[in-house]
Full PDB file with SEQRES, HELIX, SHEET, SSBOND, CRYST1, ORIGX, SCALE, CONECT and MASTER records, all heavy atoms in Angstrom:
SEQRES   1 A   40  ARG GLN ILE GLN ALA ASN ASP GLY ALA LEU GLU ASP VAL          
SEQRES   2 A   40  ASN LEU ASN ASN ILE LYS ASP ILE PRO ILE SER THR LEU          
SEQRES   3 A   40  LYS ALA ILE CYS GLU ALA MET LYS THR ASN THR HIS VAL          
SEQRES   4 A   40  LYS                                                          
HELIX    1 AA1 ILE A   23  MET A   33  1                                  11    
CRYST1    1.000    1.000    1.000  90.00  90.00  90.00 P 1           1          
ORIGX1      1.000000  0.000000  0.000000        0.00000                         
ORIGX2      0.000000  1.000000  0.000000        0.00000                         
ORIGX3      0.000000  0.000000  1.000000        0.00000                         
SCALE1      1.000000  0.000000  0.000000        0.00000                         
SCALE2      0.000000  1.000000  0.000000        0.00000                         
SCALE3      0.000000  0.000000  1.000000        0.00000                         
ATOM      1  N   ARG A   1     -29.611  77.222  -1.978  1.00  0.00           N  
ATOM      2  CA  ARG A   1     -29.078  78.443  -2.555  1.00  0.00           C  
ATOM      3  C   ARG A   1     -27.731  78.199  -3.211  1.00  0.00           C  
ATOM      4  O   ARG A   1     -27.459  78.693  -4.321  1.00  0.00           O  
ATOM      5  CB  ARG A   1     -29.039  79.557  -1.501  1.00  0.00           C  
ATOM      6  CG  ARG A   1     -28.568  80.924  -2.063  1.00  0.00           C  
ATOM      7  CD  ARG A   1     -28.177  81.829  -0.973  1.00  0.00           C  
ATOM      8  NE  ARG A   1     -26.924  81.359  -0.280  1.00  0.00           N  
ATOM      9  CZ  ARG A   1     -25.748  81.508  -0.839  1.00  0.00           C  
ATOM     10  NH1 ARG A   1     -25.560  82.010  -2.066  1.00  0.00           N  
ATOM     11  NH2 ARG A   1     -24.684  81.016  -0.239  1.00  0.00           N  
ATOM     12  N   GLN A   2     -26.842  77.413  -2.527  1.00  0.00           N  
ATOM     13  CA  GLN A   2     -25.536  77.165  -3.073  1.00  0.00           C  
ATOM     14  C   GLN A   2     -25.627  76.296  -4.395  1.00  0.00           C  
ATOM     15  O   GLN A   2     -24.884  76.505  -5.296  1.00  0.00           O  
ATOM     16  CB  GLN A   2     -24.662  76.430  -2.047  1.00  0.00           C  
ATOM     17  CG  GLN A   2     -24.219  77.237  -0.903  1.00  0.00           C  
ATOM     18  CD  GLN A   2     -23.361  76.476   0.071  1.00  0.00           C  
ATOM     19  OE1 GLN A   2     -23.841  75.784   0.930  1.00  0.00           O  
ATOM     20  NE2 GLN A   2     -22.042  76.654  -0.066  1.00  0.00           N  
ATOM     21  N   ILE A   3     -26.555  75.344  -4.394  1.00  0.00           N  
ATOM     22  CA  ILE A   3     -26.743  74.481  -5.540  1.00  0.00           C  
ATOM     23  C   ILE A   3     -27.228  75.388  -6.754  1.00  0.00           C  
ATOM     24  O   ILE A   3     -26.719  75.233  -7.882  1.00  0.00           O  
ATOM     25  CB  ILE A   3     -27.707  73.341  -5.310  1.00  0.00           C  
ATOM     26  CG1 ILE A   3     -27.107  72.395  -4.275  1.00  0.00           C  
ATOM     27  CG2 ILE A   3     -27.974  72.559  -6.595  1.00  0.00           C  
ATOM     28  CD1 ILE A   3     -28.071  71.315  -3.837  1.00  0.00           C  
ATOM     29  N   GLN A   4     -28.188  76.253  -6.462  1.00  0.00           N  
ATOM     30  CA  GLN A   4     -28.724  77.114  -7.563  1.00  0.00           C  
ATOM     31  C   GLN A   4     -27.609  78.021  -8.038  1.00  0.00           C  
ATOM     32  O   GLN A   4     -27.639  78.349  -9.209  1.00  0.00           O  
ATOM     33  CB  GLN A   4     -29.939  77.890  -7.014  1.00  0.00           C  
ATOM     34  CG  GLN A   4     -31.124  76.967  -6.730  1.00  0.00           C  
ATOM     35  CD  GLN A   4     -32.220  77.720  -6.072  1.00  0.00           C  
ATOM     36  OE1 GLN A   4     -32.021  78.712  -5.396  1.00  0.00           O  
ATOM     37  NE2 GLN A   4     -33.480  77.218  -6.305  1.00  0.00           N  
ATOM     38  N   ALA A   5     -26.732  78.480  -7.145  1.00  0.00           N  
ATOM     39  CA  ALA A   5     -25.690  79.424  -7.552  1.00  0.00           C  
ATOM     40  C   ALA A   5     -24.448  78.684  -8.149  1.00  0.00           C  
ATOM     41  O   ALA A   5     -23.517  79.389  -8.494  1.00  0.00           O  
ATOM     42  CB  ALA A   5     -25.216  80.285  -6.359  1.00  0.00           C  
ATOM     43  N   ASN A   6     -24.524  77.399  -8.204  1.00  0.00           N  
ATOM     44  CA  ASN A   6     -23.383  76.534  -8.712  1.00  0.00           C  
ATOM     45  C   ASN A   6     -22.124  76.904  -7.976  1.00  0.00           C  
ATOM     46  O   ASN A   6     -21.092  77.119  -8.572  1.00  0.00           O  
ATOM     47  CB  ASN A   6     -23.235  76.780 -10.219  1.00  0.00           C  
ATOM     48  CG  ASN A   6     -22.489  75.615 -10.885  1.00  0.00           C  
ATOM     49  OD1 ASN A   6     -22.333  74.551 -10.283  1.00  0.00           O  
ATOM     50  ND2 ASN A   6     -22.008  75.905 -12.081  1.00  0.00           N  
ATOM     51  N   ASP A   7     -22.241  76.924  -6.656  1.00  0.00           N  
ATOM     52  CA  ASP A   7     -21.099  77.196  -5.761  1.00  0.00           C  
ATOM     53  C   ASP A   7     -20.033  76.075  -5.869  1.00  0.00           C  
ATOM     54  O   ASP A   7     -20.292  74.917  -5.668  1.00  0.00           O  
ATOM     55  CB  ASP A   7     -21.551  77.327  -4.347  1.00  0.00           C  
ATOM     56  CG  ASP A   7     -20.480  77.854  -3.366  1.00  0.00           C  
ATOM     57  OD1 ASP A   7     -19.308  77.904  -3.786  1.00  0.00           O  
ATOM     58  OD2 ASP A   7     -20.847  78.265  -2.283  1.00  0.00           O  
ATOM     59  N   GLY A   8     -18.803  76.507  -6.279  1.00  0.00           N  
ATOM     60  CA  GLY A   8     -17.740  75.516  -6.426  1.00  0.00           C  
ATOM     61  C   GLY A   8     -17.272  74.833  -5.161  1.00  0.00           C  
ATOM     62  O   GLY A   8     -16.595  73.817  -5.163  1.00  0.00           O  
ATOM     63  N   ALA A   9     -17.582  75.503  -4.038  1.00  0.00           N  
ATOM     64  CA  ALA A   9     -17.107  74.967  -2.714  1.00  0.00           C  
ATOM     65  C   ALA A   9     -18.040  73.800  -2.263  1.00  0.00           C  
ATOM     66  O   ALA A   9     -17.687  73.048  -1.303  1.00  0.00           O  
ATOM     67  CB  ALA A   9     -17.111  76.041  -1.633  1.00  0.00           C  
ATOM     68  N   LEU A  10     -19.217  73.628  -2.849  1.00  0.00           N  
ATOM     69  CA  LEU A  10     -20.177  72.581  -2.422  1.00  0.00           C  
ATOM     70  C   LEU A  10     -20.043  71.366  -3.396  1.00  0.00           C  
ATOM     71  O   LEU A  10     -20.481  71.438  -4.577  1.00  0.00           O  
ATOM     72  CB  LEU A  10     -21.603  73.127  -2.461  1.00  0.00           C  
ATOM     73  CG  LEU A  10     -22.670  72.166  -1.957  1.00  0.00           C  
ATOM     74  CD1 LEU A  10     -22.463  71.805  -0.500  1.00  0.00           C  
ATOM     75  CD2 LEU A  10     -24.057  72.765  -2.170  1.00  0.00           C  
ATOM     76  N   GLU A  11     -19.486  70.287  -2.896  1.00  0.00           N  
ATOM     77  CA  GLU A  11     -19.317  69.091  -3.708  1.00  0.00           C  
ATOM     78  C   GLU A  11     -20.086  67.880  -3.108  1.00  0.00           C  
ATOM     79  O   GLU A  11     -20.358  66.870  -3.805  1.00  0.00           O  
ATOM     80  CB  GLU A  11     -17.822  68.698  -3.853  1.00  0.00           C  
ATOM     81  CG  GLU A  11     -17.004  69.684  -4.673  1.00  0.00           C  
ATOM     82  CD  GLU A  11     -15.612  69.268  -4.875  1.00  0.00           C  
ATOM     83  OE1 GLU A  11     -15.256  68.127  -4.353  1.00  0.00           O  
ATOM     84  OE2 GLU A  11     -14.845  69.939  -5.607  1.00  0.00           O  
ATOM     85  N   ASP A  12     -20.440  67.975  -1.824  1.00  0.00           N  
ATOM     86  CA  ASP A  12     -21.139  66.869  -1.182  1.00  0.00           C  
ATOM     87  C   ASP A  12     -22.376  67.435  -0.472  1.00  0.00           C  
ATOM     88  O   ASP A  12     -22.291  68.234   0.447  1.00  0.00           O  
ATOM     89  CB  ASP A  12     -20.204  66.250  -0.090  1.00  0.00           C  
ATOM     90  CG  ASP A  12     -20.806  64.976   0.490  1.00  0.00           C  
ATOM     91  OD1 ASP A  12     -21.999  64.717   0.252  1.00  0.00           O  
ATOM     92  OD2 ASP A  12     -20.067  64.277   1.187  1.00  0.00           O  
ATOM     93  N   VAL A  13     -23.545  66.964  -0.948  1.00  0.00           N  
ATOM     94  CA  VAL A  13     -24.840  67.403  -0.330  1.00  0.00           C  
ATOM     95  C   VAL A  13     -25.387  66.212   0.508  1.00  0.00           C  
ATOM     96  O   VAL A  13     -25.728  65.188  -0.090  1.00  0.00           O  
ATOM     97  CB  VAL A  13     -25.862  67.834  -1.403  1.00  0.00           C  
ATOM     98  CG1 VAL A  13     -27.210  68.211  -0.806  1.00  0.00           C  
ATOM     99  CG2 VAL A  13     -25.217  69.015  -2.187  1.00  0.00           C  
ATOM    100  N   ASN A  14     -25.509  66.427   1.802  1.00  0.00           N  
ATOM    101  CA  ASN A  14     -25.975  65.419   2.675  1.00  0.00           C  
ATOM    102  C   ASN A  14     -27.169  65.933   3.480  1.00  0.00           C  
ATOM    103  O   ASN A  14     -27.049  66.745   4.332  1.00  0.00           O  
ATOM    104  CB  ASN A  14     -24.878  65.012   3.663  1.00  0.00           C  
ATOM    105  CG  ASN A  14     -25.268  63.874   4.653  1.00  0.00           C  
ATOM    106  OD1 ASN A  14     -26.396  63.430   4.597  1.00  0.00           O  
ATOM    107  ND2 ASN A  14     -24.351  63.453   5.451  1.00  0.00           N  
ATOM    108  N   LEU A  15     -28.387  65.414   3.077  1.00  0.00           N  
ATOM    109  CA  LEU A  15     -29.640  65.821   3.701  1.00  0.00           C  
ATOM    110  C   LEU A  15     -30.244  64.582   4.389  1.00  0.00           C  
ATOM    111  O   LEU A  15     -31.437  64.591   4.747  1.00  0.00           O  
ATOM    112  CB  LEU A  15     -30.616  66.304   2.629  1.00  0.00           C  
ATOM    113  CG  LEU A  15     -30.110  67.489   1.819  1.00  0.00           C  
ATOM    114  CD1 LEU A  15     -31.218  67.876   0.840  1.00  0.00           C  
ATOM    115  CD2 LEU A  15     -29.757  68.702   2.651  1.00  0.00           C  
ATOM    116  N   ASN A  16     -29.434  63.658   4.786  1.00  0.00           N  
ATOM    117  CA  ASN A  16     -29.871  62.398   5.444  1.00  0.00           C  
ATOM    118  C   ASN A  16     -30.644  62.717   6.733  1.00  0.00           C  
ATOM    119  O   ASN A  16     -30.196  63.530   7.607  1.00  0.00           O  
ATOM    120  CB  ASN A  16     -28.743  61.481   5.736  1.00  0.00           C  
ATOM    121  CG  ASN A  16     -28.084  60.936   4.440  1.00  0.00           C  
ATOM    122  OD1 ASN A  16     -28.588  61.157   3.392  1.00  0.00           O  
ATOM    123  ND2 ASN A  16     -26.962  60.276   4.634  1.00  0.00           N  
ATOM    124  N   ASN A  17     -31.799  61.984   6.896  1.00  0.00           N  
ATOM    125  CA  ASN A  17     -32.558  61.976   8.185  1.00  0.00           C  
ATOM    126  C   ASN A  17     -33.109  63.343   8.576  1.00  0.00           C  
ATOM    127  O   ASN A  17     -33.471  63.545   9.720  1.00  0.00           O  
ATOM    128  CB  ASN A  17     -31.651  61.447   9.292  1.00  0.00           C  
ATOM    129  CG  ASN A  17     -31.112  60.074   9.098  1.00  0.00           C  
ATOM    130  OD1 ASN A  17     -31.934  59.164   8.710  1.00  0.00           O  
ATOM    131  ND2 ASN A  17     -29.832  59.953   9.252  1.00  0.00           N  
ATOM    132  N   ILE A  18     -33.276  64.192   7.618  1.00  0.00           N  
ATOM    133  CA  ILE A  18     -33.986  65.443   7.834  1.00  0.00           C  
ATOM    134  C   ILE A  18     -35.446  65.263   7.469  1.00  0.00           C  
ATOM    135  O   ILE A  18     -35.737  65.153   6.282  1.00  0.00           O  
ATOM    136  CB  ILE A  18     -33.360  66.641   7.136  1.00  0.00           C  
ATOM    137  CG1 ILE A  18     -31.908  66.809   7.529  1.00  0.00           C  
ATOM    138  CG2 ILE A  18     -34.102  67.947   7.400  1.00  0.00           C  
ATOM    139  CD1 ILE A  18     -31.143  67.914   6.780  1.00  0.00           C  
ATOM    140  N   LYS A  19     -36.317  65.112   8.444  1.00  0.00           N  
ATOM    141  CA  LYS A  19     -37.680  64.652   8.089  1.00  0.00           C  
ATOM    142  C   LYS A  19     -38.630  65.782   7.642  1.00  0.00           C  
ATOM    143  O   LYS A  19     -39.687  65.461   7.019  1.00  0.00           O  
ATOM    144  CB  LYS A  19     -38.299  64.032   9.408  1.00  0.00           C  
ATOM    145  CG  LYS A  19     -37.450  62.977  10.038  1.00  0.00           C  
ATOM    146  CD  LYS A  19     -37.365  61.755   9.297  1.00  0.00           C  
ATOM    147  CE  LYS A  19     -36.626  60.661  10.037  1.00  0.00           C  
ATOM    148  NZ  LYS A  19     -36.479  59.408   9.258  1.00  0.00           N  
ATOM    149  N   ASP A  20     -38.311  67.013   7.894  1.00  0.00           N  
ATOM    150  CA  ASP A  20     -39.308  68.005   7.619  1.00  0.00           C  
ATOM    151  C   ASP A  20     -38.984  68.878   6.413  1.00  0.00           C  
ATOM    152  O   ASP A  20     -39.422  70.035   6.253  1.00  0.00           O  
ATOM    153  CB  ASP A  20     -39.377  69.037   8.861  1.00  0.00           C  
ATOM    154  CG  ASP A  20     -38.053  69.600   9.230  1.00  0.00           C  
ATOM    155  OD1 ASP A  20     -37.000  69.122   8.662  1.00  0.00           O  
ATOM    156  OD2 ASP A  20     -37.915  70.487  10.105  1.00  0.00           O  
ATOM    157  N   ILE A  21     -38.275  68.325   5.453  1.00  0.00           N  
ATOM    158  CA  ILE A  21     -37.981  69.005   4.217  1.00  0.00           C  
ATOM    159  C   ILE A  21     -39.208  68.946   3.289  1.00  0.00           C  
ATOM    160  O   ILE A  21     -39.746  67.804   3.037  1.00  0.00           O  
ATOM    161  CB  ILE A  21     -36.783  68.403   3.447  1.00  0.00           C  
ATOM    162  CG1 ILE A  21     -35.519  68.319   4.324  1.00  0.00           C  
ATOM    163  CG2 ILE A  21     -36.518  69.154   2.174  1.00  0.00           C  
ATOM    164  CD1 ILE A  21     -34.345  67.681   3.661  1.00  0.00           C  
ATOM    165  N   PRO A  22     -39.819  70.099   2.928  1.00  0.00           N  
ATOM    166  CA  PRO A  22     -40.984  70.059   2.016  1.00  0.00           C  
ATOM    167  C   PRO A  22     -40.651  69.357   0.741  1.00  0.00           C  
ATOM    168  O   PRO A  22     -39.532  69.407   0.195  1.00  0.00           O  
ATOM    169  CB  PRO A  22     -41.330  71.549   1.818  1.00  0.00           C  
ATOM    170  CG  PRO A  22     -40.659  72.206   2.990  1.00  0.00           C  
ATOM    171  CD  PRO A  22     -39.425  71.403   3.288  1.00  0.00           C  
ATOM    172  N   ILE A  23     -41.674  68.701   0.092  1.00  0.00           N  
ATOM    173  CA  ILE A  23     -41.516  68.096  -1.186  1.00  0.00           C  
ATOM    174  C   ILE A  23     -41.094  69.121  -2.176  1.00  0.00           C  
ATOM    175  O   ILE A  23     -40.296  68.819  -3.116  1.00  0.00           O  
ATOM    176  CB  ILE A  23     -42.788  67.338  -1.587  1.00  0.00           C  
ATOM    177  CG1 ILE A  23     -43.164  66.242  -0.550  1.00  0.00           C  
ATOM    178  CG2 ILE A  23     -42.704  66.777  -2.981  1.00  0.00           C  
ATOM    179  CD1 ILE A  23     -42.137  65.169  -0.455  1.00  0.00           C  
ATOM    180  N   SER A  24     -41.674  70.252  -2.112  1.00  0.00           N  
ATOM    181  CA  SER A  24     -41.307  71.328  -3.107  1.00  0.00           C  
ATOM    182  C   SER A  24     -39.832  71.690  -3.052  1.00  0.00           C  
ATOM    183  O   SER A  24     -39.179  71.979  -4.056  1.00  0.00           O  
ATOM    184  CB  SER A  24     -42.148  72.569  -2.842  1.00  0.00           C  
ATOM    185  OG  SER A  24     -42.021  73.024  -1.502  1.00  0.00           O  
ATOM    186  N   THR A  25     -39.281  71.702  -1.806  1.00  0.00           N  
ATOM    187  CA  THR A  25     -37.849  72.003  -1.662  1.00  0.00           C  
ATOM    188  C   THR A  25     -36.994  70.882  -2.263  1.00  0.00           C  
ATOM    189  O   THR A  25     -35.969  71.112  -2.963  1.00  0.00           O  
ATOM    190  CB  THR A  25     -37.498  72.150  -0.198  1.00  0.00           C  
ATOM    191  OG1 THR A  25     -38.231  73.209   0.359  1.00  0.00           O  
ATOM    192  CG2 THR A  25     -36.060  72.544   0.009  1.00  0.00           C  
ATOM    193  N   LEU A  26     -37.416  69.591  -2.033  1.00  0.00           N  
ATOM    194  CA  LEU A  26     -36.635  68.489  -2.605  1.00  0.00           C  
ATOM    195  C   LEU A  26     -36.658  68.568  -4.105  1.00  0.00           C  
ATOM    196  O   LEU A  26     -35.623  68.289  -4.803  1.00  0.00           O  
ATOM    197  CB  LEU A  26     -37.230  67.160  -2.079  1.00  0.00           C  
ATOM    198  CG  LEU A  26     -37.007  66.875  -0.612  1.00  0.00           C  
ATOM    199  CD1 LEU A  26     -37.815  65.618  -0.203  1.00  0.00           C  
ATOM    200  CD2 LEU A  26     -35.557  66.667  -0.319  1.00  0.00           C  
ATOM    201  N   LYS A  27     -37.843  68.893  -4.673  1.00  0.00           N  
ATOM    202  CA  LYS A  27     -37.939  68.967  -6.159  1.00  0.00           C  
ATOM    203  C   LYS A  27     -37.097  70.179  -6.664  1.00  0.00           C  
ATOM    204  O   LYS A  27     -36.556  70.074  -7.744  1.00  0.00           O  
ATOM    205  CB  LYS A  27     -39.400  69.134  -6.517  1.00  0.00           C  
ATOM    206  CG  LYS A  27     -40.263  67.924  -6.230  1.00  0.00           C  
ATOM    207  CD  LYS A  27     -41.747  68.119  -6.416  1.00  0.00           C  
ATOM    208  CE  LYS A  27     -42.052  68.304  -7.906  1.00  0.00           C  
ATOM    209  NZ  LYS A  27     -43.514  68.431  -8.142  1.00  0.00           N  
ATOM    210  N   ALA A  28     -37.088  71.257  -5.854  1.00  0.00           N  
ATOM    211  CA  ALA A  28     -36.195  72.408  -6.277  1.00  0.00           C  
ATOM    212  C   ALA A  28     -34.739  71.997  -6.230  1.00  0.00           C  
ATOM    213  O   ALA A  28     -33.955  72.512  -7.170  1.00  0.00           O  
ATOM    214  CB  ALA A  28     -36.483  73.582  -5.340  1.00  0.00           C  
ATOM    215  N   ILE A  29     -34.307  71.188  -5.299  1.00  0.00           N  
ATOM    216  CA  ILE A  29     -32.960  70.810  -5.266  1.00  0.00           C  
ATOM    217  C   ILE A  29     -32.587  69.929  -6.524  1.00  0.00           C  
ATOM    218  O   ILE A  29     -31.538  70.193  -7.161  1.00  0.00           O  
ATOM    219  CB  ILE A  29     -32.704  69.984  -4.010  1.00  0.00           C  
ATOM    220  CG1 ILE A  29     -32.692  70.911  -2.736  1.00  0.00           C  
ATOM    221  CG2 ILE A  29     -31.326  69.273  -4.082  1.00  0.00           C  
ATOM    222  CD1 ILE A  29     -32.610  70.218  -1.441  1.00  0.00           C  
ATOM    223  N   CYS A  30     -33.489  69.086  -6.876  1.00  0.00           N  
ATOM    224  CA  CYS A  30     -33.269  68.256  -8.098  1.00  0.00           C  
ATOM    225  C   CYS A  30     -33.292  69.137  -9.352  1.00  0.00           C  
ATOM    226  O   CYS A  30     -32.483  68.865 -10.304  1.00  0.00           O  
ATOM    227  CB  CYS A  30     -34.417  67.177  -8.167  1.00  0.00           C  
ATOM    228  SG  CYS A  30     -34.344  65.941  -6.863  1.00  0.00           S  
ATOM    229  N   GLU A  31     -34.112  70.126  -9.367  1.00  0.00           N  
ATOM    230  CA  GLU A  31     -34.175  71.018 -10.501  1.00  0.00           C  
ATOM    231  C   GLU A  31     -32.847  71.809 -10.645  1.00  0.00           C  
ATOM    232  O   GLU A  31     -32.315  72.015 -11.778  1.00  0.00           O  
ATOM    233  CB  GLU A  31     -35.375  71.949 -10.398  1.00  0.00           C  
ATOM    234  CG  GLU A  31     -35.556  72.981 -11.500  1.00  0.00           C  
ATOM    235  CD  GLU A  31     -35.971  72.253 -12.805  1.00  0.00           C  
ATOM    236  OE1 GLU A  31     -36.655  71.164 -12.709  1.00  0.00           O  
ATOM    237  OE2 GLU A  31     -35.693  72.805 -13.908  1.00  0.00           O  
ATOM    238  N   ALA A  32     -32.356  72.277  -9.436  1.00  0.00           N  
ATOM    239  CA  ALA A  32     -31.085  73.009  -9.515  1.00  0.00           C  
ATOM    240  C   ALA A  32     -29.901  72.102  -9.882  1.00  0.00           C  
ATOM    241  O   ALA A  32     -28.910  72.622 -10.523  1.00  0.00           O  
ATOM    242  CB  ALA A  32     -30.880  73.666  -8.135  1.00  0.00           C  
ATOM    243  N   MET A  33     -30.004  70.837  -9.572  1.00  0.00           N  
ATOM    244  CA  MET A  33     -28.963  69.896  -9.836  1.00  0.00           C  
ATOM    245  C   MET A  33     -28.792  69.649 -11.328  1.00  0.00           C  
ATOM    246  O   MET A  33     -27.775  69.099 -11.788  1.00  0.00           O  
ATOM    247  CB  MET A  33     -29.184  68.571  -9.136  1.00  0.00           C  
ATOM    248  CG  MET A  33     -28.783  68.626  -7.614  1.00  0.00           C  
ATOM    249  SD  MET A  33     -27.022  68.817  -7.359  1.00  0.00           S  
ATOM    250  CE  MET A  33     -26.396  67.395  -8.138  1.00  0.00           C  
ATOM    251  N   LYS A  34     -29.800  69.966 -12.139  1.00  0.00           N  
ATOM    252  CA  LYS A  34     -29.694  69.704 -13.526  1.00  0.00           C  
ATOM    253  C   LYS A  34     -28.540  70.481 -14.195  1.00  0.00           C  
ATOM    254  O   LYS A  34     -27.868  69.939 -15.085  1.00  0.00           O  
ATOM    255  CB  LYS A  34     -31.037  70.166 -14.246  1.00  0.00           C  
ATOM    256  CG  LYS A  34     -32.209  69.266 -13.895  1.00  0.00           C  
ATOM    257  CD  LYS A  34     -33.486  69.741 -14.658  1.00  0.00           C  
ATOM    258  CE  LYS A  34     -34.721  68.860 -14.420  1.00  0.00           C  
ATOM    259  NZ  LYS A  34     -35.856  69.325 -15.109  1.00  0.00           N  
ATOM    260  N   THR A  35     -28.337  71.681 -13.785  1.00  0.00           N  
ATOM    261  CA  THR A  35     -27.335  72.527 -14.348  1.00  0.00           C  
ATOM    262  C   THR A  35     -26.086  72.698 -13.431  1.00  0.00           C  
ATOM    263  O   THR A  35     -25.100  73.386 -13.808  1.00  0.00           O  
ATOM    264  CB  THR A  35     -27.890  73.916 -14.656  1.00  0.00           C  
ATOM    265  OG1 THR A  35     -28.377  74.438 -13.504  1.00  0.00           O  
ATOM    266  CG2 THR A  35     -28.929  73.822 -15.756  1.00  0.00           C  
ATOM    267  N   ASN A  36     -26.046  72.066 -12.264  1.00  0.00           N  
ATOM    268  CA  ASN A  36     -24.913  72.165 -11.348  1.00  0.00           C  
ATOM    269  C   ASN A  36     -23.744  71.405 -11.866  1.00  0.00           C  
ATOM    270  O   ASN A  36     -23.907  70.279 -12.336  1.00  0.00           O  
ATOM    271  CB  ASN A  36     -25.321  71.747  -9.950  1.00  0.00           C  
ATOM    272  CG  ASN A  36     -24.253  72.030  -8.941  1.00  0.00           C  
ATOM    273  OD1 ASN A  36     -23.224  71.317  -8.832  1.00  0.00           O  
ATOM    274  ND2 ASN A  36     -24.409  73.074  -8.147  1.00  0.00           N  
ATOM    275  N   THR A  37     -22.570  71.938 -11.800  1.00  0.00           N  
ATOM    276  CA  THR A  37     -21.391  71.276 -12.334  1.00  0.00           C  
ATOM    277  C   THR A  37     -20.356  70.994 -11.311  1.00  0.00           C  
ATOM    278  O   THR A  37     -19.208  70.696 -11.620  1.00  0.00           O  
ATOM    279  CB  THR A  37     -20.731  72.202 -13.451  1.00  0.00           C  
ATOM    280  OG1 THR A  37     -20.418  73.469 -12.893  1.00  0.00           O  
ATOM    281  CG2 THR A  37     -21.686  72.359 -14.632  1.00  0.00           C  
ATOM    282  N   HIS A  38     -20.707  71.165 -10.017  1.00  0.00           N  
ATOM    283  CA  HIS A  38     -19.721  70.939  -8.942  1.00  0.00           C  
ATOM    284  C   HIS A  38     -20.112  69.804  -7.921  1.00  0.00           C  
ATOM    285  O   HIS A  38     -19.199  69.171  -7.427  1.00  0.00           O  
ATOM    286  CB  HIS A  38     -19.494  72.218  -8.164  1.00  0.00           C  
ATOM    287  CG  HIS A  38     -18.846  73.298  -9.009  1.00  0.00           C  
ATOM    288  ND1 HIS A  38     -17.555  73.351  -9.422  1.00  0.00           N  
ATOM    289  CD2 HIS A  38     -19.451  74.407  -9.526  1.00  0.00           C  
ATOM    290  CE1 HIS A  38     -17.321  74.384 -10.103  1.00  0.00           C  
ATOM    291  NE2 HIS A  38     -18.473  75.092 -10.259  1.00  0.00           N  
ATOM    292  N   VAL A  39     -21.343  69.628  -7.711  1.00  0.00           N  
ATOM    293  CA  VAL A  39     -21.765  68.614  -6.722  1.00  0.00           C  
ATOM    294  C   VAL A  39     -21.569  67.243  -7.281  1.00  0.00           C  
ATOM    295  O   VAL A  39     -22.096  66.904  -8.305  1.00  0.00           O  
ATOM    296  CB  VAL A  39     -23.280  68.836  -6.325  1.00  0.00           C  
ATOM    297  CG1 VAL A  39     -23.753  67.670  -5.416  1.00  0.00           C  
ATOM    298  CG2 VAL A  39     -23.544  70.159  -5.667  1.00  0.00           C  
ATOM    299  N   LYS A  40     -20.817  66.422  -6.557  1.00  0.00           N  
ATOM    300  CA  LYS A  40     -20.462  65.057  -6.952  1.00  0.00           C  
ATOM    301  C   LYS A  40     -21.217  64.020  -6.215  1.00  0.00           C  
ATOM    302  O   LYS A  40     -21.271  62.840  -6.670  1.00  0.00           O  
ATOM    303  CB  LYS A  40     -18.967  64.845  -6.879  1.00  0.00           C  
ATOM    304  CG  LYS A  40     -18.078  65.747  -7.762  1.00  0.00           C  
ATOM    305  CD  LYS A  40     -16.602  65.485  -7.597  1.00  0.00           C  
ATOM    306  CE  LYS A  40     -15.791  66.425  -8.520  1.00  0.00           C  
ATOM    307  NZ  LYS A  40     -14.365  66.158  -8.368  1.00  0.00           N  
TER     308      LYS A  40                                                      
MASTER        0    0    0    1    0    0    0    6  307    1    0    4          
END                                                                             
């Protein structure tokens, strides 16, 4: 939700070792990252 909202407080996204993330959610994160201007 923060990535999609382009939240300026979110600069580091760490999803390491979370095994149960659906593929659709991972693809949605990548889709939201296309227009995100804060996550480094």
